[in-house]
Amino acid sequence: MTTTRKWTIGIVILVVLLVAIPTVVLLTRSSSGSSNVKIGLEAPLTGSLSQLGKGMLNGATMAANELNANGGIQGKHVEIIPIDDAGNATTGVKAANQAIANGLDGVVGPYNSSVGVKTLPLYIKAGLVPIRLTSDNATDSMGYTLQPMTSQIAPAASTALTSWLKAKSVGIIYDSTQNYTVTVASSLKADLEKAGVKVTAYQPITPGASSYTSVVTQVAATNPQVVYSAVYYPEGGLIAKEMYDGKITASCMVDYASYDSAYITAAGIPAAQACPVVGVPAPQDFPHASSFVSTYQSTFHSAPGSWSPYTYDSVNFWAYGVSKAKSFSASAITSVLNVVNGWTGWTGPVTIEASTGNRQPATVVINSITAKGTFIIDADWAKAVGY
């Protein structure tokens, strides 16, 4: 082979490598060189949880609007990129991969833990720092979260059942298809049994049925003082309604997974009032929430969704990390967010546990439902547990 030919081949190889490298970089870390800052919002924007997802998207959009009105992030316009996972892991993986390929600088979400265990590693591998809304502890350390985790929710639910409702026996119904509901039901069962409470039933269900009357009847026949449903709101609302319509004598409580205004719609106000929900403070119940609620209502002409405050804060929390780090790199953002202590947003003050990326402490409350069909922190519960 001649020297000239060797040089020609070498130049061709070098050119190919130089062309290929940027493509690999775009798929493995933040695109931060674009004219806009692109923040993905992964949520169930379609499917049975779409009402919840819409509130999540609106909260993120509201945060982006305010950031842009104040110069954006690092002087760049903020754009929210909807990523619809439909509450399904397979759909979520496809949507996440597409969004990553199109270029993202940050990501907020997802909401469903069963989706998050699949999509969060994809974002992290792409060099992003997710601000997740998952609650299952299987997603610990996969970015950061401002909302409670199973390890914080189950003890609060157990305390409510024992210290507030004085339950000596509990029947548990749970969604067997979702990571979070399986884990929280198991954790609650263990906590209750440790406290000397008899778990009279531990009944799995599959979501999507038109009726759970037979399950409700079966669990009620074990004579629990309280029936606890660890299910998402389509099923939680239906079970609460069936308990109310069937005049089941046991008290009713639904899990954090059902915490959304759509639960009230699914149950109907009378049944929802008879079945309080484990959750977080309603959007208007956070300290200093009035200005946030007012802005949301004037922007979207509706009341905030249950998770709107959390996506609003999550976008701003990520933006804080970037601004403080003066960088879009994951390592720089992480170094900032790991030591957050007292950052404040719509949902109140935030302190991060670096080993998990979780908020400490997390505010878990019991919400009752008003005659107008809105959530409010239950005053009797608050008094009983010293909230």
Protein backbone atom coordinates (compact mmCIF):
# COMPACT_ATOMS: atom_id res chain seq x y z
CA MET A 1 0.00 0.00 0.00
CA THR A 2 1.43 3.41 -0.96
CA THR A 3 2.09 6.16 1.59
CA THR A 4 -0.42 8.40 -0.17
CA ARG A 5 -3.15 5.77 0.09
CA LYS A 6 -2.39 5.22 3.79
CA TRP A 7 -2.79 8.93 4.43
CA THR A 8 -6.05 9.02 2.48
CA ILE A 9 -7.54 6.14 4.49
CA GLY A 10 -6.34 7.72 7.73
CA ILE A 11 -8.01 11.03 6.90
CA VAL A 12 -11.27 9.27 6.01
CA ILE A 13 -11.26 7.36 9.33
CA LEU A 14 -10.54 10.56 11.26
CA VAL A 15 -13.38 12.41 9.53
CA VAL A 16 -15.80 9.56 10.28
CA LEU A 17 -14.80 9.62 13.94
CA LEU A 18 -15.18 13.39 14.19
CA VAL A 19 -18.64 13.19 12.64
CA ALA A 20 -19.74 10.28 14.83
CA ILE A 21 -18.63 11.65 18.20
CA PRO A 22 -21.16 14.51 18.50
CA THR A 23 -23.99 12.06 17.74
CA VAL A 24 -22.92 9.83 20.62
CA VAL A 25 -22.61 12.83 22.96
CA LEU A 26 -26.11 14.06 22.16
CA LEU A 27 -27.52 10.70 23.16
CA THR A 28 -25.54 10.37 26.36
CA ARG A 29 -25.60 13.80 27.98
CA SER A 30 -27.47 17.11 28.09
CA SER A 31 -27.71 19.06 24.86
CA SER A 32 -27.11 22.35 26.74
CA GLY A 33 -25.77 24.00 23.58
CA SER A 34 -29.21 24.57 22.03
CA SER A 35 -30.90 27.98 21.92
CA ASN A 36 -33.66 26.78 24.28
CA VAL A 37 -33.44 24.90 27.56
CA LYS A 38 -35.56 21.80 27.00
CA ILE A 39 -37.11 20.24 30.10
CA GLY A 40 -39.09 17.04 29.58
CA LEU A 41 -42.26 16.51 31.59
CA GLU A 42 -42.98 12.79 31.72
CA ALA A 43 -46.50 12.04 32.92
CA PRO A 44 -49.62 10.00 32.10
CA LEU A 45 -50.98 12.56 29.65
CA THR A 46 -53.36 10.02 28.15
CA GLY A 47 -55.06 6.98 29.66
CA SER A 48 -56.93 6.54 32.92
CA LEU A 49 -54.66 8.95 34.84
CA SER A 50 -54.71 11.72 32.24
CA GLN A 51 -56.47 14.24 34.47
CA LEU A 52 -53.60 13.93 36.91
CA GLY A 53 -51.09 14.22 34.08
CA LYS A 54 -52.67 17.40 32.74
CA GLY A 55 -52.27 19.08 36.12
CA MET A 56 -48.62 18.00 36.17
CA LEU A 57 -48.01 19.52 32.74
CA ASN A 58 -49.73 22.76 33.70
CA GLY A 59 -47.62 23.10 36.84
CA ALA A 60 -44.41 22.65 34.84
CA THR A 61 -45.62 25.11 32.20
CA MET A 62 -46.43 27.71 34.85
CA ALA A 63 -42.89 27.43 36.23
CA ALA A 64 -41.39 27.78 32.74
CA ASN A 65 -43.52 30.87 32.04
CA GLU A 66 -42.24 32.55 35.18
CA LEU A 67 -38.64 31.58 34.51
CA ASN A 68 -38.88 33.01 30.99
CA ALA A 69 -40.41 36.23 32.31
CA ASN A 70 -37.27 36.58 34.43
CA GLY A 71 -34.70 35.85 31.76
CA GLY A 72 -34.95 32.08 31.48
CA ILE A 73 -32.20 29.75 32.69
CA GLN A 74 -28.64 30.92 32.04
CA GLY A 75 -30.18 33.47 29.69
CA LYS A 76 -31.94 30.81 27.61
CA HIS A 77 -35.66 30.39 26.96
CA VAL A 78 -37.21 27.44 28.83
CA GLU A 79 -39.33 24.99 26.85
CA ILE A 80 -41.39 22.20 28.44
CA ILE A 81 -41.40 19.03 26.33
CA PRO A 82 -44.43 16.77 27.08
CA ILE A 83 -43.48 13.09 27.35
CA ASP A 84 -46.60 10.94 27.48
CA ASP A 85 -46.07 7.58 29.19
CA ALA A 86 -49.83 6.87 29.61
CA GLY A 87 -48.95 5.36 33.01
CA ASN A 88 -47.43 2.36 31.20
CA ALA A 89 -43.80 1.29 31.36
CA THR A 90 -43.57 0.08 27.75
CA THR A 91 -45.11 3.28 26.43
CA GLY A 92 -42.90 5.29 28.77
CA VAL A 93 -39.65 3.70 27.60
CA LYS A 94 -40.49 4.40 23.96
CA ALA A 95 -41.50 8.01 24.72
CA ALA A 96 -38.44 8.61 26.91
CA ASN A 97 -36.03 7.27 24.29
CA GLN A 98 -37.60 9.47 21.64
CA ALA A 99 -37.40 12.57 23.84
CA ILE A 100 -33.76 11.85 24.68
CA ALA A 101 -32.93 11.39 21.01
CA ASN A 102 -34.59 14.73 20.21
CA GLY A 103 -32.51 16.46 22.89
CA LEU A 104 -33.25 17.26 26.53
CA ASP A 105 -31.46 19.34 29.14
CA GLY A 106 -33.56 18.19 32.12
CA VAL A 107 -36.56 16.08 33.00
CA VAL A 108 -39.36 16.21 35.56
CA GLY A 109 -41.27 13.01 36.27
CA PRO A 110 -42.47 10.40 35.82
CA TYR A 111 -45.32 9.94 38.29
CA ASN A 112 -45.89 6.17 38.24
CA SER A 113 -43.17 4.19 39.99
CA SER A 114 -43.65 1.17 37.72
CA VAL A 115 -42.79 3.47 34.81
CA GLY A 116 -39.99 5.24 36.66
CA VAL A 117 -37.98 2.09 37.37
CA LYS A 118 -37.71 1.73 33.59
CA THR A 119 -37.42 5.32 32.35
CA LEU A 120 -35.37 7.00 35.07
CA PRO A 121 -32.24 4.93 34.30
CA LEU A 122 -32.57 6.01 30.64
CA TYR A 123 -32.49 9.69 31.58
CA ILE A 124 -29.58 9.18 33.96
CA LYS A 125 -27.62 7.27 31.30
CA ALA A 126 -28.27 10.22 28.96
CA GLY A 127 -26.55 12.55 31.42
CA LEU A 128 -29.72 14.12 32.83
CA VAL A 129 -30.71 14.76 36.45
CA PRO A 130 -34.36 13.70 36.87
CA ILE A 131 -36.63 15.43 39.36
CA ARG A 132 -39.00 12.49 39.80
CA LEU A 133 -42.50 12.19 41.22
CA THR A 134 -42.28 8.48 41.91
CA SER A 135 -42.91 7.25 45.46
CA ASP A 136 -41.64 3.67 45.46
CA ASN A 137 -38.30 3.34 47.23
CA ALA A 138 -37.05 1.27 44.30
CA THR A 139 -36.47 4.67 42.65
CA ASP A 140 -34.30 6.02 45.48
CA SER A 141 -31.14 7.70 44.16
CA MET A 142 -32.59 7.99 40.63
CA GLY A 143 -32.41 11.77 40.68
CA TYR A 144 -34.33 13.79 43.26
CA THR A 145 -37.90 14.08 44.48
CA LEU A 146 -39.89 16.66 46.40
CA GLN A 147 -42.77 14.36 47.27
CA PRO A 148 -43.04 11.56 49.86
CA MET A 149 -41.75 8.02 49.43
CA THR A 150 -43.23 4.68 50.53
CA SER A 151 -40.95 4.61 53.58
CA GLN A 152 -42.58 7.90 54.65
CA ILE A 153 -46.15 7.19 53.51
CA ALA A 154 -46.75 3.74 55.04
CA PRO A 155 -45.83 4.79 58.61
CA ALA A 156 -48.08 7.85 58.35
CA ALA A 157 -50.97 5.71 57.12
CA SER A 158 -50.38 3.19 59.90
CA THR A 159 -50.38 5.96 62.51
CA ALA A 160 -53.61 7.38 61.10
CA LEU A 161 -55.27 3.97 61.30
CA THR A 162 -54.10 3.23 64.84
CA SER A 163 -53.90 6.63 66.57
CA TRP A 164 -56.78 8.38 64.81
CA LEU A 165 -59.26 5.67 63.81
CA LYS A 166 -58.20 3.40 66.70
CA ALA A 167 -58.37 0.40 64.39
CA LYS A 168 -57.73 -3.03 65.86
CA SER A 169 -58.42 -4.78 62.55
CA VAL A 170 -57.87 -3.68 58.95
CA GLY A 171 -58.69 -5.22 55.59
CA ILE A 172 -56.31 -4.22 52.79
CA ILE A 173 -57.17 -4.08 49.09
CA TYR A 174 -54.26 -3.35 46.75
CA ASP A 175 -53.43 -3.02 43.06
CA SER A 176 -51.17 -5.99 42.31
CA THR A 177 -49.90 -4.55 38.99
CA GLN A 178 -48.05 -1.44 40.21
CA ASN A 179 -44.71 -1.25 42.03
CA TYR A 180 -45.80 1.45 44.42
CA THR A 181 -49.14 -0.07 45.47
CA VAL A 182 -47.62 -3.50 46.03
CA THR A 183 -44.79 -2.05 48.12
CA VAL A 184 -46.92 0.33 50.18
CA ALA A 185 -49.52 -2.37 50.91
CA SER A 186 -46.79 -4.75 52.08
CA SER A 187 -45.14 -2.06 54.21
CA LEU A 188 -48.46 -1.02 55.74
CA LYS A 189 -49.34 -4.62 56.54
CA ALA A 190 -46.01 -5.08 58.32
CA ASP A 191 -46.40 -1.82 60.27
CA LEU A 192 -49.93 -2.67 61.36
CA GLU A 193 -49.04 -6.19 62.47
CA LYS A 194 -46.07 -4.83 64.39
CA ALA A 195 -48.51 -2.50 66.17
CA GLY A 196 -50.72 -5.46 67.09
CA VAL A 197 -53.43 -4.75 64.50
CA LYS A 198 -55.05 -7.77 62.86
CA VAL A 199 -54.98 -7.67 59.06
CA THR A 200 -58.18 -9.53 58.25
CA ALA A 201 -57.75 -9.50 54.47
CA TYR A 202 -54.95 -8.79 52.03
CA GLN A 203 -56.73 -8.76 48.71
CA PRO A 204 -55.06 -8.02 45.35
CA ILE A 205 -57.04 -6.56 42.46
CA THR A 206 -56.34 -5.79 38.82
CA PRO A 207 -57.18 -2.23 37.73
CA GLY A 208 -59.65 -1.45 34.98
CA ALA A 209 -62.65 -3.47 36.16
CA SER A 210 -66.10 -1.88 35.99
CA SER A 211 -66.97 -3.11 39.48
CA TYR A 212 -65.21 -4.28 42.65
CA THR A 213 -68.38 -5.05 44.58
CA SER A 214 -67.50 -8.72 44.98
CA VAL A 215 -64.06 -7.80 46.36
CA VAL A 216 -65.53 -5.22 48.73
CA THR A 217 -68.10 -7.75 49.94
CA GLN A 218 -65.42 -10.41 50.41
CA VAL A 219 -63.14 -8.11 52.42
CA ALA A 220 -66.02 -6.70 54.47
CA ALA A 221 -67.01 -10.27 55.40
CA THR A 222 -63.73 -10.59 57.34
CA ASN A 223 -65.10 -7.95 59.75
CA PRO A 224 -62.36 -5.31 59.67
CA GLN A 225 -62.89 -2.01 61.42
CA VAL A 226 -61.35 -0.23 58.44
CA VAL A 227 -60.96 -1.14 54.77
CA TYR A 228 -57.78 0.42 53.32
CA SER A 229 -57.42 0.58 49.53
CA ALA A 230 -53.89 0.92 48.13
CA VAL A 231 -54.99 1.63 44.55
CA TYR A 232 -54.94 4.51 42.08
CA TYR A 233 -57.90 6.88 41.91
CA PRO A 234 -60.04 5.19 39.24
CA GLU A 235 -60.23 2.11 41.45
CA GLY A 236 -60.08 4.03 44.73
CA GLY A 237 -63.08 6.14 43.80
CA LEU A 238 -65.04 3.11 42.64
CA ILE A 239 -64.30 1.13 45.82
CA ALA A 240 -65.26 4.10 48.02
CA LYS A 241 -68.54 4.45 46.11
CA GLU A 242 -69.31 0.75 46.37
CA MET A 243 -68.62 0.78 50.12
CA TYR A 244 -70.88 3.81 50.51
CA ASP A 245 -73.69 2.48 48.31
CA GLY A 246 -73.45 -0.96 49.91
CA LYS A 247 -73.66 0.55 53.41
CA ILE A 248 -70.54 -1.31 54.50
CA THR A 249 -70.17 -0.78 58.24
CA ALA A 250 -66.36 -0.72 58.21
CA SER A 251 -64.69 2.67 57.93
CA CYS A 252 -62.99 3.48 54.63
CA MET A 253 -59.59 4.99 53.82
CA VAL A 254 -57.76 5.18 50.50
CA ASP A 255 -54.05 5.35 49.89
CA TYR A 256 -51.79 8.10 48.59
CA ALA A 257 -52.03 6.56 45.10
CA SER A 258 -55.63 7.80 44.93
CA TYR A 259 -54.76 11.34 45.99
CA ASP A 260 -56.06 13.45 43.13
CA SER A 261 -59.17 15.52 42.55
CA ALA A 262 -60.25 12.84 40.06
CA TYR A 263 -60.76 10.52 43.04
CA ILE A 264 -63.59 12.77 44.23
CA THR A 265 -65.11 12.74 40.76
CA ALA A 266 -64.89 8.94 40.56
CA ALA A 267 -66.38 8.37 44.02
CA GLY A 268 -68.93 11.18 44.10
CA ILE A 269 -68.83 13.72 46.92
CA PRO A 270 -70.93 11.77 49.50
CA ALA A 271 -68.83 8.60 49.13
CA ALA A 272 -65.57 10.56 49.05
CA GLN A 273 -66.55 12.35 52.25
CA ALA A 274 -66.98 8.94 53.88
CA CYS A 275 -63.54 7.79 52.72
CA PRO A 276 -60.60 10.10 53.53
CA VAL A 277 -57.37 9.98 51.55
CA VAL A 278 -53.73 9.73 52.54
CA GLY A 279 -51.99 12.52 50.64
CA VAL A 280 -50.16 15.80 50.88
CA PRO A 281 -51.65 19.22 51.59
CA ALA A 282 -53.99 20.39 48.82
CA PRO A 283 -52.54 23.11 46.53
CA GLN A 284 -54.23 25.88 48.53
CA ASP A 285 -53.23 24.44 51.92
CA PHE A 286 -49.48 25.00 51.68
CA PRO A 287 -48.20 28.07 53.54
CA HIS A 288 -48.15 31.17 51.32
CA ALA A 289 -49.99 29.29 48.55
CA SER A 290 -52.48 32.00 47.62
CA SER A 291 -50.29 33.74 45.03
CA PHE A 292 -49.39 30.44 43.36
CA VAL A 293 -53.04 29.36 43.20
CA SER A 294 -54.08 32.76 41.84
CA THR A 295 -51.46 32.64 39.08
CA TYR A 296 -52.43 29.09 38.14
CA GLN A 297 -56.12 29.94 37.94
CA SER A 298 -55.54 33.05 35.84
CA THR A 299 -53.28 31.11 33.48
CA PHE A 300 -55.26 27.90 33.03
CA HIS A 301 -58.77 29.02 34.09
CA SER A 302 -59.13 26.08 36.46
CA ALA A 303 -58.10 25.04 39.93
CA PRO A 304 -54.58 23.55 40.28
CA GLY A 305 -54.26 19.80 39.89
CA SER A 306 -53.19 17.87 42.96
CA TRP A 307 -49.65 17.49 41.61
CA SER A 308 -49.36 20.89 39.92
CA PRO A 309 -47.46 22.35 42.93
CA TYR A 310 -44.94 19.51 42.75
CA THR A 311 -44.13 19.84 39.06
CA TYR A 312 -44.01 23.63 39.45
CA ASP A 313 -41.49 23.25 42.27
CA SER A 314 -39.60 20.48 40.46
CA VAL A 315 -38.90 22.64 37.40
CA ASN A 316 -37.77 25.49 39.64
CA PHE A 317 -35.70 23.13 41.77
CA TRP A 318 -33.83 21.85 38.71
CA ALA A 319 -33.41 25.43 37.48
CA TYR A 320 -31.94 26.36 40.86
CA GLY A 321 -29.41 23.54 40.51
CA VAL A 322 -28.35 24.72 37.05
CA SER A 323 -28.15 28.39 38.06
CA LYS A 324 -26.19 27.67 41.22
CA ALA A 325 -23.83 25.29 39.40
CA LYS A 326 -23.58 27.62 36.38
CA SER A 327 -23.59 24.43 34.34
CA PHE A 328 -25.90 21.92 32.70
CA SER A 329 -23.66 18.96 33.52
CA ALA A 330 -25.14 16.24 35.72
CA SER A 331 -22.16 16.19 38.09
CA ALA A 332 -22.32 19.93 38.67
CA ILE A 333 -26.09 19.97 39.22
CA THR A 334 -25.86 16.96 41.54
CA SER A 335 -23.18 18.62 43.65
CA VAL A 336 -25.58 21.52 44.23
CA LEU A 337 -28.78 19.58 44.85
CA ASN A 338 -27.15 17.05 47.18
CA VAL A 339 -26.62 19.76 49.79
CA VAL A 340 -29.94 21.63 49.50
CA ASN A 341 -31.21 22.63 52.93
CA GLY A 342 -34.16 24.99 53.14
CA TRP A 343 -34.84 25.77 49.48
CA THR A 344 -38.47 26.95 49.39
CA GLY A 345 -41.21 26.71 46.81
CA TRP A 346 -44.98 26.29 46.55
CA THR A 347 -44.81 23.08 48.58
CA GLY A 348 -42.77 24.69 51.35
CA PRO A 349 -39.17 24.22 52.47
CA VAL A 350 -37.05 21.44 50.93
CA THR A 351 -34.07 19.63 52.39
CA ILE A 352 -32.49 16.76 50.44
CA GLU A 353 -31.06 13.51 51.77
CA ALA A 354 -28.04 13.08 49.51
CA SER A 355 -27.89 9.28 49.76
CA THR A 356 -31.39 8.84 48.29
CA GLY A 357 -32.26 12.14 46.64
CA ASN A 358 -35.41 12.19 48.78
CA ARG A 359 -36.96 15.10 50.62
CA GLN A 360 -36.58 15.04 54.41
CA PRO A 361 -38.94 15.30 56.10
CA ALA A 362 -41.83 14.79 53.72
CA THR A 363 -45.26 16.11 54.59
CA VAL A 364 -47.86 13.33 54.56
CA VAL A 365 -51.36 14.22 55.72
CA ILE A 366 -54.86 12.81 55.79
CA ASN A 367 -57.26 14.76 53.62
CA SER A 368 -61.01 14.82 54.05
CA ILE A 369 -63.37 16.14 51.38
CA THR A 370 -65.53 19.25 51.72
CA ALA A 371 -69.16 19.55 50.64
CA LYS A 372 -67.89 21.45 47.59
CA GLY A 373 -65.73 18.50 46.58
CA THR A 374 -62.28 19.77 47.48
CA PHE A 375 -59.52 18.33 49.64
CA ILE A 376 -58.74 19.77 53.06
CA ILE A 377 -56.43 18.53 55.81
CA ASP A 378 -58.62 16.60 58.22
CA ALA A 379 -58.76 18.59 61.47
CA ASP A 380 -59.63 15.59 63.66
CA TRP A 381 -56.71 13.61 62.27
CA ALA A 382 -54.37 16.58 62.77
CA LYS A 383 -55.43 16.91 66.38
CA ALA A 384 -55.14 13.16 67.04
CA VAL A 385 -51.57 12.86 65.72
CA GLY A 386 -50.34 16.32 66.72
CA TYR A 387 -49.85 17.57 63.17
